Protein backbone atom coordinates (compact mmCIF):
# COMPACT_ATOMS: atom_id res chain seq x y z
CA MET A 1 -13.38 14.77 -15.61
CA SER A 2 -12.33 13.43 -19.08
CA ALA A 3 -12.41 10.39 -21.15
CA ALA A 4 -9.06 8.58 -22.22
CA PRO A 5 -7.77 9.91 -25.72
CA PRO A 6 -6.37 7.26 -27.79
CA ARG A 7 -2.54 6.71 -27.66
CA PRO A 8 -0.89 8.83 -30.42
CA PRO A 9 1.00 7.12 -32.99
CA GLY A 10 4.94 6.92 -33.12
CA PRO A 11 7.42 5.96 -30.59
CA ARG A 12 6.61 5.91 -26.99
CA PRO A 13 8.25 9.01 -24.79
CA TRP A 14 11.04 7.75 -22.62
CA TRP A 15 8.95 7.70 -19.31
CA GLU A 16 6.53 5.14 -21.21
CA THR A 17 9.36 2.58 -22.24
CA ARG A 18 9.38 -0.76 -20.53
CA PRO A 19 13.15 -0.38 -19.36
CA PHE A 20 12.30 2.87 -17.58
CA VAL A 21 9.11 1.30 -16.00
CA ALA A 22 11.40 -1.72 -14.83
CA PHE A 23 13.75 0.74 -13.62
CA LEU A 24 11.16 2.47 -11.54
CA ILE A 25 10.08 -0.55 -9.89
CA LEU A 26 13.58 -1.81 -9.12
CA LEU A 27 14.46 1.60 -7.70
CA SER A 28 11.58 1.30 -5.05
CA VAL A 29 13.44 -1.47 -3.21
CA VAL A 30 16.80 0.43 -2.72
CA PRO A 31 15.91 1.91 0.75
CA LEU A 32 15.36 -1.81 2.14
CA LEU A 33 18.54 -3.23 0.77
CA TYR A 34 20.96 -2.20 3.47
CA PRO A 35 19.09 -2.84 6.79
CA PRO A 36 19.11 -6.28 7.77
CA VAL A 37 15.73 -5.95 9.75
CA PRO A 38 13.49 -3.49 7.95
CA PRO A 39 13.09 -0.36 10.35
CA LEU A 40 9.29 -0.04 10.27
CA VAL A 41 7.82 0.69 13.63
CA ASP A 42 5.37 -2.11 14.42
CA LEU A 43 6.99 -4.74 12.35
CA LEU A 44 9.52 -5.57 15.06
CA GLY A 45 6.37 -6.34 17.37
CA HIS A 46 4.73 -8.37 14.45
CA MET A 47 8.28 -10.45 14.24
CA GLY A 48 8.16 -11.59 17.79
CA ARG A 49 4.66 -12.97 16.66
CA TYR A 50 6.19 -14.70 13.86
CA ARG A 51 8.70 -16.36 16.07
CA VAL A 52 5.91 -17.83 18.23
CA GLN A 53 3.92 -18.94 15.29
CA LEU A 54 7.03 -20.86 14.03
CA ASP A 55 8.48 -22.37 17.17
CA ILE A 56 5.81 -22.57 19.98
CA GLN A 57 5.53 -26.20 19.40
CA THR A 58 9.20 -26.91 19.72
CA SER A 59 10.32 -24.37 22.03
CA PRO A 60 10.70 -25.16 25.88
CA TRP A 61 9.88 -21.43 26.64
CA LEU A 62 7.54 -19.69 24.32
CA SER A 63 4.67 -22.05 25.19
CA GLN A 64 4.97 -20.83 28.80
CA TYR A 65 4.74 -17.14 27.74
CA TYR A 66 2.16 -17.18 24.89
CA ASP A 67 -0.69 -19.07 23.13
CA TYR A 68 -0.93 -19.11 19.21
CA ARG A 69 -3.99 -19.91 17.50
CA TRP A 70 -4.63 -19.63 13.68
CA LEU A 71 -7.86 -17.89 12.94
CA LEU A 72 -9.65 -17.02 9.66
CA VAL A 73 -9.24 -13.15 9.93
CA GLY A 74 -8.80 -10.41 7.61
CA ASN A 75 -5.32 -9.73 8.88
CA LEU A 76 -2.84 -12.74 7.67
CA GLY A 77 -0.86 -11.52 4.71
CA VAL A 78 2.61 -11.38 6.01
CA ASP A 79 1.94 -14.21 8.47
CA ALA A 80 0.94 -16.52 5.98
CA LEU A 81 3.82 -15.75 3.79
CA VAL A 82 6.23 -16.11 6.76
CA GLN A 83 4.86 -19.51 7.38
CA LEU A 84 5.88 -20.50 3.92
CA LEU A 85 9.24 -18.94 3.56
CA ALA A 86 10.79 -19.02 7.19
CA PRO A 87 11.25 -22.79 7.14
CA ILE A 88 13.25 -22.35 4.10
CA VAL A 89 15.41 -19.16 4.62
CA GLY A 90 14.91 -18.51 8.35
CA LEU A 91 12.63 -15.82 9.89
CA GLU A 92 14.60 -12.55 9.68
CA PRO A 93 15.46 -13.30 5.88
CA ALA A 94 12.04 -14.22 5.22
CA VAL A 95 10.72 -10.97 6.65
CA LYS A 96 13.06 -9.03 4.74
CA LEU A 97 12.19 -10.69 1.26
CA ILE A 98 8.56 -10.18 1.94
CA ILE A 99 8.83 -6.44 2.96
CA ILE A 100 10.91 -5.67 -0.05
CA SER A 101 8.33 -6.97 -2.30
CA ILE A 102 5.77 -4.59 -0.93
CA PRO A 103 7.14 -1.41 -2.24
CA ALA A 104 7.94 -3.03 -5.48
CA MET A 105 4.43 -4.25 -6.05
CA THR A 106 2.90 -0.89 -4.95
CA VAL A 107 4.83 0.81 -7.62
CA ALA A 108 3.84 -1.79 -10.20
CA GLY A 109 0.41 -1.40 -9.35
CA PHE A 110 0.28 2.49 -9.53
CA LEU A 111 1.87 2.08 -12.93
CA TRP A 112 -0.32 -0.69 -14.31
CA VAL A 113 -3.47 1.07 -13.26
CA ALA A 114 -2.28 4.53 -14.94
CA ARG A 115 -1.51 2.62 -18.13
CA GLU A 116 -4.79 0.83 -18.16
CA VAL A 117 -6.76 4.01 -17.47
CA HIS A 118 -4.99 6.44 -19.82
CA ASN A 119 -3.69 3.96 -22.62
CA ARG A 120 -0.48 5.39 -21.83
CA LEU A 121 1.59 6.36 -18.71
CA PRO A 122 1.13 10.01 -18.09
CA PRO A 123 4.17 11.84 -16.59
CA THR A 124 2.09 12.97 -13.39
CA ALA A 125 2.00 9.18 -12.41
CA LEU A 126 5.67 9.50 -11.25
CA PHE A 127 4.58 11.82 -8.60
CA ALA A 128 2.66 9.00 -7.10
CA LEU A 129 5.40 6.60 -6.81
CA PRO A 130 7.01 7.89 -3.50
CA LEU A 131 3.84 7.03 -1.71
CA ALA A 132 4.89 3.35 -1.81
CA TYR A 133 6.95 4.60 1.50
CA SER A 134 4.09 6.29 2.91
CA HIS A 135 3.37 6.84 6.47
CA PRO A 136 1.30 3.79 7.03
CA PHE A 137 4.26 1.37 5.74
CA ASN A 138 6.74 3.45 7.83
CA PHE A 139 4.62 2.63 10.81
CA GLY A 140 4.92 -1.31 10.01
CA PHE A 141 1.24 -1.88 9.00
CA VAL A 142 2.65 -4.48 6.75
CA ASN A 143 -0.23 -6.66 6.24
CA PHE A 144 -2.34 -3.66 5.41
CA ALA A 145 0.37 -2.31 2.91
CA LEU A 146 0.72 -5.78 1.39
CA ALA A 147 -3.15 -5.93 0.80
CA MET A 148 -3.08 -2.45 -0.92
CA ALA A 149 -0.24 -3.33 -3.06
CA LEU A 150 -2.13 -6.42 -4.28
CA ALA A 151 -5.35 -4.49 -4.67
CA PHE A 152 -3.69 -2.03 -7.07
CA LEU A 153 -2.38 -4.98 -9.01
CA ALA A 154 -5.77 -6.63 -9.03
CA PHE A 155 -7.36 -3.52 -9.97
CA GLY A 156 -5.04 -3.08 -12.88
CA LEU A 157 -6.07 -6.86 -14.16
CA TRP A 158 -9.68 -5.76 -13.48
CA LEU A 159 -9.42 -2.73 -15.87
CA ARG A 160 -7.38 -4.79 -18.41
CA LEU A 161 -10.09 -7.60 -18.75
CA GLY A 162 -12.63 -5.03 -18.67
CA ARG A 163 -11.02 -3.03 -21.67
CA LEU A 164 -10.79 -6.30 -23.53
CA GLY A 165 -14.46 -7.32 -22.86
CA LYS A 166 -13.47 -10.37 -20.94
CA THR A 167 -15.91 -9.95 -18.10
CA ARG A 168 -16.94 -13.35 -17.68
CA LEU A 169 -13.13 -14.32 -17.15
CA ARG A 170 -12.93 -11.36 -14.89
CA ALA A 171 -15.71 -12.50 -12.83
CA ALA A 172 -14.35 -16.12 -12.46
CA LEU A 173 -10.73 -14.86 -11.47
CA PHE A 174 -11.73 -12.34 -8.87
CA VAL A 175 -13.55 -14.70 -6.82
CA PRO A 176 -10.26 -16.39 -5.47
CA ILE A 177 -8.45 -12.95 -5.87
CA SER A 178 -10.81 -11.22 -3.71
CA ILE A 179 -10.55 -13.95 -1.15
CA LEU A 180 -6.70 -13.79 -1.12
CA ILE A 181 -6.67 -10.02 -0.77
CA PHE A 182 -9.30 -10.20 2.16
CA PHE A 183 -7.24 -12.44 4.26
CA ALA A 184 -4.05 -10.34 3.39
CA HIS A 185 -5.89 -7.53 5.21
CA THR A 186 -9.64 -6.42 5.06
CA PHE A 187 -8.85 -2.92 4.03
CA GLY A 188 -7.25 -4.07 0.84
CA TRP A 189 -10.32 -6.17 -0.08
CA GLY A 190 -12.39 -3.12 0.79
CA MET A 191 -10.45 -0.67 -1.35
CA LEU A 192 -10.40 -3.21 -4.32
CA GLY A 193 -14.18 -3.43 -4.09
CA LEU A 194 -14.67 0.41 -4.25
CA MET A 195 -12.23 1.03 -6.85
CA CYS A 196 -13.72 -1.88 -9.00
CA PHE A 197 -17.26 -0.67 -8.55
CA SER A 198 -16.42 2.84 -9.36
CA ALA A 199 -14.47 2.04 -12.39
CA GLU A 200 -17.15 -0.33 -13.70
CA ALA A 201 -19.90 2.35 -13.07
CA VAL A 202 -17.86 4.70 -15.42
CA ARG A 203 -17.39 1.87 -18.00
CA GLN A 204 -21.02 1.14 -17.89
CA HIS A 205 -21.93 4.84 -18.28
CA ASP A 206 -19.53 5.25 -21.10
CA ASN A 207 -21.32 2.24 -23.02
CA GLY A 208 -24.51 4.35 -22.95
CA ARG A 209 -26.31 3.78 -19.84
CA GLY A 210 -27.63 6.33 -17.45
CA TRP A 211 -25.79 6.77 -13.92
CA PHE A 212 -28.56 4.60 -11.97
CA ARG A 213 -28.51 1.68 -14.48
CA ALA A 214 -24.70 2.04 -14.67
CA GLY A 215 -24.54 1.66 -10.83
CA VAL A 216 -26.89 -1.33 -10.91
CA HIS A 217 -24.81 -3.15 -13.40
CA ALA A 218 -21.52 -2.04 -11.78
CA ALA A 219 -22.72 -3.67 -8.58
CA LEU A 220 -23.65 -6.76 -10.41
CA HIS A 221 -20.27 -7.02 -11.99
CA ALA A 222 -18.47 -6.27 -8.68
CA SER A 223 -20.48 -8.88 -6.77
CA CYS A 224 -17.94 -11.44 -7.71
CA LEU A 225 -15.95 -9.70 -4.91
CA ALA A 226 -18.48 -10.33 -2.32
CA LEU A 227 -17.56 -13.83 -1.16
CA PRO A 228 -15.42 -12.42 1.74
CA LEU A 229 -18.50 -11.07 3.34
CA VAL A 230 -19.20 -14.68 4.48
CA PHE A 231 -15.81 -14.92 6.15
CA MET A 232 -16.13 -11.40 7.72
CA ALA A 233 -19.47 -12.32 9.16
CA ALA A 234 -18.18 -15.61 10.60
CA TRP A 235 -14.95 -13.64 12.03
CA ARG A 236 -16.78 -10.79 13.64
CA SER A 237 -19.69 -13.14 15.13
CA SER A 238 -17.33 -15.22 17.09
CA ALA A 239 -15.01 -12.37 18.01
CA PRO A 240 -15.44 -10.07 21.07
CA ALA A 241 -16.68 -6.71 20.20
CA GLY A 242 -13.69 -4.41 20.06
CA LEU A 243 -13.52 -0.85 20.63
CA THR A 244 -14.63 1.53 17.75
CA ALA A 245 -14.33 5.05 18.53
CA ASP A 246 -13.11 8.48 17.63
CA TRP A 247 -15.56 9.32 14.83
CA PHE A 248 -15.22 12.59 12.83
CA ASN A 249 -12.06 13.87 14.47
CA TRP A 250 -11.40 16.40 11.84
CA GLY A 251 -8.12 17.55 13.55
CA ALA A 252 -6.74 14.20 13.26
CA LYS A 253 -7.95 13.62 9.66
CA LEU A 254 -6.17 16.89 8.73
CA HIS A 255 -3.15 15.67 10.54
CA TRP A 256 -3.12 12.21 8.49
CA ILE A 257 -3.27 14.41 5.29
CA GLU A 258 -0.29 16.43 6.53
CA THR A 259 1.75 13.29 7.41
CA ILE A 260 1.43 10.94 4.40
CA PHE A 261 5.18 11.14 3.75
CA ARG A 262 6.08 11.01 7.54
CA ASP A 263 9.42 9.48 8.09
CA ARG A 264 12.05 11.45 9.86
CA TRP A 265 12.59 14.96 8.51
CA LYS A 266 9.40 17.21 8.88
CA LEU A 267 10.25 20.05 6.60
CA TRP A 268 11.09 17.69 3.79
CA ASP A 269 8.18 15.24 4.46
CA PHE A 270 5.66 18.04 4.71
CA ALA A 271 7.11 19.66 1.63
CA SER A 272 6.67 16.53 -0.26
CA MET A 273 2.87 16.45 0.64
CA VAL A 274 2.72 20.17 -0.60
CA ILE A 275 4.32 18.97 -3.92
CA THR A 276 2.04 16.37 -4.64
CA PHE A 277 -0.99 18.40 -3.61
CA VAL A 278 0.12 21.18 -6.01
CA VAL A 279 0.52 18.55 -8.92
CA ILE A 280 -3.11 17.45 -8.12
CA MET A 281 -4.23 21.04 -8.46
CA LEU A 282 -2.98 21.07 -11.87
CA ALA A 283 -6.00 18.96 -12.94
CA PHE A 284 -8.27 21.71 -11.64
CA GLY A 285 -6.27 24.95 -12.42
CA ASN A 286 -4.55 24.23 -15.90
CA PRO A 287 -6.84 23.94 -18.77
CA ARG A 288 -4.52 21.46 -20.49
CA PHE A 289 -5.17 18.70 -17.78
CA GLY A 290 -8.14 16.95 -16.41
CA LEU A 291 -9.02 13.86 -14.34
CA SER A 292 -9.75 10.56 -15.60
CA ARG A 293 -13.56 9.79 -14.83
CA ASN A 294 -12.59 6.48 -13.79
CA LEU A 295 -9.91 7.16 -11.22
CA GLY A 296 -11.50 10.47 -10.36
CA PHE A 297 -14.62 8.77 -9.17
CA SER A 298 -12.67 6.14 -7.42
CA ALA A 299 -10.63 9.05 -5.60
CA LEU A 300 -14.08 10.71 -4.55
CA VAL A 301 -15.38 7.50 -3.03
CA ILE A 302 -12.38 6.96 -1.17
CA VAL A 303 -12.44 10.49 0.08
CA VAL A 304 -16.09 9.83 1.39
CA VAL A 305 -14.89 6.68 3.19
CA PHE A 306 -11.74 8.44 4.68
CA LEU A 307 -14.14 11.08 6.05
CA VAL A 308 -16.56 8.82 7.66
CA LEU A 309 -14.38 6.16 9.07
CA PRO A 310 -13.32 6.40 12.70
CA ARG A 311 -9.66 6.33 13.95
CA ILE A 312 -10.35 3.09 15.88
CA ILE A 313 -12.22 0.03 14.39
CA PHE A 314 -12.41 -3.11 16.47
CA ALA A 315 -9.62 -2.08 18.55
CA SER A 316 -7.31 -1.30 15.91
CA ALA A 317 -5.98 2.31 15.61
CA TYR A 318 -5.26 4.60 12.82
CA ALA A 319 -8.14 3.13 10.57
CA ASP A 320 -8.63 6.32 8.69
CA MET A 321 -4.89 7.37 8.63
CA ARG A 322 -4.29 4.27 6.46
CA LEU A 323 -6.33 5.51 3.50
CA ALA A 324 -4.97 8.99 3.16
CA PRO A 325 -1.77 8.22 1.16
CA TYR A 326 -3.98 6.43 -1.34
CA LEU A 327 -6.32 9.36 -1.85
CA PHE A 328 -3.52 11.30 -3.05
CA ALA A 329 -2.08 8.31 -5.15
CA LEU A 330 -5.50 7.78 -6.98
CA ALA A 331 -5.90 11.62 -7.55
CA LEU A 332 -2.11 11.70 -9.15
CA LEU A 333 -2.85 8.61 -11.20
CA ALA A 334 -5.95 10.23 -12.49
CA ILE A 335 -4.44 13.24 -13.95
CA ARG A 336 -4.21 13.29 -17.90
CA PHE A 337 -4.14 15.82 -20.72
CA ARG A 338 -7.45 16.79 -21.91
CA SER A 339 -6.43 16.30 -25.44
CA ASP A 340 -3.30 15.44 -27.28
CA THR A 341 -0.35 15.30 -24.99
CA HIS A 342 1.61 18.67 -24.84
CA ARG A 343 5.09 17.09 -25.46
CA ARG A 344 7.30 19.89 -23.93
CA THR A 345 4.90 20.14 -20.81
CA ALA A 346 4.84 16.35 -20.58
CA THR A 347 8.67 16.10 -20.71
CA VAL A 348 9.06 18.81 -17.93
CA LEU A 349 6.62 17.07 -15.84
CA ALA A 350 8.44 13.60 -16.37
CA VAL A 351 11.73 15.11 -15.38
CA VAL A 352 10.35 16.83 -12.32
CA GLY A 353 8.42 13.76 -11.16
CA LEU A 354 11.56 11.56 -11.57
CA ILE A 355 13.61 14.03 -9.65
CA PHE A 356 10.97 14.09 -6.89
CA TYR A 357 10.95 10.22 -7.07
CA LEU A 358 14.69 9.89 -6.71
CA ALA A 359 14.85 12.65 -4.02
CA ARG A 360 12.39 10.64 -1.73
CA ILE A 361 14.09 7.38 -2.42
CA ALA A 362 17.39 8.85 -1.58
CA THR A 363 16.19 10.36 1.73
CA THR A 364 14.21 7.33 2.64
CA THR A 365 17.33 5.31 2.04
CA ALA A 366 19.42 7.36 4.37
CA SER A 367 16.69 7.41 6.99
CA TYR A 368 16.35 3.70 6.99
CA ALA A 369 20.24 3.24 6.96
CA MET A 370 20.47 5.47 9.96
CA ALA A 371 17.74 3.55 11.80
CA ALA A 372 19.29 0.28 10.75
CA ASP A 373 22.79 1.29 12.33
CA ASP A 374 20.94 2.35 15.60
CA LEU A 375 18.94 -0.76 15.60
CA ARG A 376 22.23 -3.00 15.11
CA GLU A 377 23.98 -1.22 18.00
CA LYS A 378 21.32 -1.60 20.50
CA LEU A 379 20.74 -5.25 19.41
CA GLN A 380 24.01 -6.00 20.86
CA ALA A 381 22.19 -6.17 24.14
CA LEU A 382 20.84 -9.42 23.38
CA ASN A 383 24.25 -11.17 23.28
CA HIS A 384 23.95 -10.74 27.23
CA VAL A 385 20.40 -12.21 27.67
CA SER A 386 19.99 -15.91 28.17
CA MET A 387 17.60 -17.97 26.09
CA GLY A 388 14.08 -17.88 27.15
CA ALA A 389 14.72 -14.91 29.58
CA LYS A 390 11.78 -12.61 30.69
CA VAL A 391 12.72 -9.09 29.77
CA ALA A 392 10.81 -5.99 30.37
CA THR A 393 11.58 -3.31 27.76
CA PHE A 394 10.94 0.37 28.50
CA VAL A 395 11.29 2.71 25.37
CA GLY A 396 11.20 6.39 26.00
CA GLN A 397 9.21 8.81 23.88
CA GLY A 398 8.30 12.43 24.14
CA CYS A 399 5.22 13.90 25.99
CA ALA A 400 3.49 14.29 22.65
CA ASP A 401 4.22 12.64 19.32
CA TRP A 402 7.17 13.97 17.46
CA TRP A 403 7.58 13.78 13.84
CA SER A 404 10.36 11.32 13.50
CA MET A 405 8.91 7.65 13.55
CA PRO A 406 9.34 5.90 17.01
CA ARG A 407 11.11 3.13 15.20
CA ASN A 408 12.47 1.60 18.56
CA SER A 409 8.96 1.20 20.01
CA HIS A 410 8.81 -2.67 19.52
CA LEU A 411 12.60 -3.17 19.87
CA GLY A 412 11.79 -5.32 22.81
CA ALA A 413 10.05 -7.99 20.63
CA MET A 414 13.64 -8.94 19.22
CA VAL A 415 14.12 -10.78 22.50
CA ILE A 416 11.29 -13.31 21.36
CA VAL A 417 12.80 -13.23 18.04
CA ARG A 418 16.38 -14.00 18.92
CA ARG A 419 16.20 -15.49 22.42
CA GLN A 420 12.62 -17.03 22.39
CA GLY A 421 12.00 -15.08 25.53
CA PHE A 422 9.29 -13.03 26.88
CA SER A 423 8.82 -9.29 25.99
CA ASN A 424 6.16 -7.09 27.39
CA ASP A 425 5.42 -5.44 24.07
CA GLN A 426 3.17 -7.69 22.20
CA TRP A 427 -0.50 -6.76 21.40
CA ASP A 428 -2.98 -8.65 23.38
CA ILE A 429 -6.26 -7.96 21.37
CA VAL A 430 -8.89 -10.74 21.70
CA GLY A 431 -10.57 -11.71 18.64
CA SER A 432 -8.22 -10.07 16.06
CA ASN A 433 -4.65 -11.11 17.01
CA LEU A 434 -3.45 -14.65 16.53
CA LEU A 435 -1.17 -14.38 19.51
CA SER A 436 -2.40 -14.13 23.18
CA VAL A 437 -0.13 -13.54 26.23
CA ARG A 438 -0.23 -16.16 28.93
CA TYR A 439 2.43 -14.94 31.20
CA ASP A 440 0.92 -12.58 33.87
CA ALA A 441 3.08 -9.57 34.72
CA GLY A 442 0.10 -7.43 35.68
CA ALA A 443 0.21 -4.06 34.00
CA TYR A 444 3.63 -5.01 32.40
CA SER A 445 2.16 -7.96 30.52
CA SER A 446 1.73 -6.41 27.04
CA ASP A 447 1.65 -3.28 24.80
CA PRO A 448 1.62 -0.38 25.58
CA SER A 449 3.43 -1.03 28.85
CA GLU A 450 6.78 -0.60 27.06
CA ILE A 451 6.22 3.03 26.24
CA VAL A 452 7.40 5.31 28.88
CA ARG A 453 7.40 9.35 28.95
CA PRO A 454 9.51 11.92 30.68
CA THR A 455 8.78 12.59 34.37
CA TYR A 456 7.56 16.19 33.68
CA CYS A 457 4.86 14.96 31.39
CA ARG A 458 1.38 15.77 32.47
CA ILE A 459 -0.20 12.28 32.27
CA PRO A 460 -3.37 11.64 34.32
CA ARG A 461 -3.02 9.22 37.07
CA ALA A 462 -6.31 7.50 35.67
CA TRP A 463 -4.53 5.66 32.93
CA ARG A 464 -6.46 3.32 30.53
CA ILE A 465 -8.08 0.39 32.16
CA VAL A 466 -8.16 -2.77 29.81
CA ASN A 467 -9.32 -6.17 31.25
CA ASN A 468 -9.28 -4.34 34.79
CA ARG A 469 -5.58 -3.61 34.83
CA LEU A 470 -3.91 -0.35 34.73
CA ARG A 471 -1.79 0.16 31.51
CA GLY A 472 0.63 2.88 30.26
CA ASP A 473 1.51 5.11 28.53
CA TRP A 474 3.22 6.23 31.86
CA ARG A 475 5.92 8.31 33.02
CA VAL A 476 9.20 6.55 33.26
CA ASP A 477 9.57 7.05 37.04
CA ASP A 478 5.90 5.82 37.67
CA ALA A 479 6.71 2.80 35.50
CA LEU A 480 9.76 1.95 37.32
CA THR A 481 8.28 2.47 40.74
CA GLY A 482 5.70 -0.14 40.29
CA PHE A 483 7.96 -2.44 38.31
CA PRO A 484 7.48 -6.18 39.45
CA ARG A 485 11.21 -7.35 39.86
CA ASP A 486 10.21 -10.99 40.60
CA LYS A 487 8.33 -11.33 37.19
CA PHE A 488 11.44 -10.67 34.90
CA ASP A 489 15.07 -11.72 34.51
CA TYR A 490 16.18 -8.39 32.74
CA MET A 491 15.30 -4.82 32.42
CA TRP A 492 16.09 -2.94 29.09
CA LEU A 493 15.96 0.75 29.00
CA ILE A 494 16.00 1.97 25.56
CA ASP A 495 16.10 6.01 24.74
CA VAL A 496 14.54 6.91 28.19
CA SER A 497 14.69 10.27 29.53
CA PRO A 498 16.39 11.20 33.02
CA TYR A 499 14.82 9.06 35.98
CA ASP A 500 15.47 8.69 39.63
CA PRO A 501 18.68 6.19 39.74
CA GLN A 502 17.30 4.87 43.08
CA LEU A 503 14.61 3.21 41.12
CA THR A 504 17.35 0.92 39.43
CA SER A 505 19.26 0.19 42.81
CA GLY A 506 19.87 -3.50 43.49
CA MET A 507 20.00 -4.20 39.45
CA THR A 508 23.18 -5.39 37.87
CA PRO A 509 24.18 -3.41 34.69
CA VAL A 510 25.41 -6.02 32.33
CA TRP A 511 25.52 -3.94 29.14
CA LYS A 512 25.51 -0.30 28.19
CA GLY A 513 25.19 1.10 24.76
CA SER A 514 24.10 4.45 23.08
CA ARG A 515 21.01 5.47 24.97
CA SER A 516 20.52 1.91 25.84
CA MET A 517 21.07 -0.03 29.14
CA LEU A 518 20.57 -3.55 30.06
CA TYR A 519 20.02 -4.64 33.82
CA ARG A 520 20.05 -8.10 35.21
CA LEU A 521 17.51 -8.64 38.12
CA HIS A 522 18.10 -10.89 40.97
């Protein structure tokens, strides 16, 4: 690992100019311009919750189906912004504006961190920018993605104030900044703390202290980020103990590395991961390149955290998966020339990095447009659903997880968004979710009852038992056999595999679309 060389005199190369940086940031929002609703898997389910938080006091239906209670938990980012914006522009436009801002802030944060660490913008930083559309973002972990974007922006500010020697100002600013990011999502605050501590330890060591004393001083400087520990202690002490499980699942962790770009086309997404890995290997295999001690140490710390984290924390799944793209991002941002920049090599890397970024943006734009068209067509079913109706949605998925993101998993939540009705796809996790389900439809009350598999899948009869109730994943015929028709007004089948038609006898088809059917129940 190497220290940052001073910036050479003379004009900046084209990839370091402000207009080009602005272009990179603006380019990041292109995939989200066309879709009316961002086609992120879990986001549609979250939008159902946003509708409840906005209208439960005035809707004659929502209060019958749900309870909503604001809690001081570390998972409020988009929820709070929706509360501010939706009364002004409406729920769906507010969500789109907020989600569009996340990739832009992520790219800006990556570039700012690279600029502060290297005293310039290395061309290899361009390879990190496509990770603004990583697997966790495509999955719709929007509070997490927002908090990580804010964390990188805050880290850039931390580095700048440290470089300028304004540590007292930095300490004062980062008390409220840490609280803000904590309430956006706990992971963002944790990531910020780890990056700030590791970067400060390197800075202290560069100022002549041994590593032990540097670590002690870094901990003191980073203590200004510690106040959210009080909120976390209060939150977890009053919340039921959620499930924490699946430690050291090395197969899953390797899979999370392979899927950092997971979107739609497996070969291209996997090849993109390989491209970024090869660029990282430049820092180890080419004598012209090295790693910044600052970001290299931060990346190493995050690697350890990724390896130690379980897959499920407090009943929240994919805990370790969420960090995987940011390991790659930190490693890519850490790469630098060991001495003076070799201009020809740097230009080649900048051109290739820009082509890679443009290609990822282009394919992501195409993928999102395809998903948006499919979403728009299927949502026509809601034109035939009455206000306040109770709708059981069943969304077909394969026996095993396929590569293309299951973007329709929470399409049923749009019943809540646009019809203020009941949908069986909301998460009912006590202690970490602001929404709770009041309406009792047995095993069909909440997520994951909406997910159904083909009849030929081998799914054990002993399904998961939560709160003494059987819940899916289940085969489509099993789900339809036990379906309580008296509890719902409609049944909406989306992308389901073939099933026994006798199981829908007596239901009235009211709309049929592409791989979608809406039935009215009597």
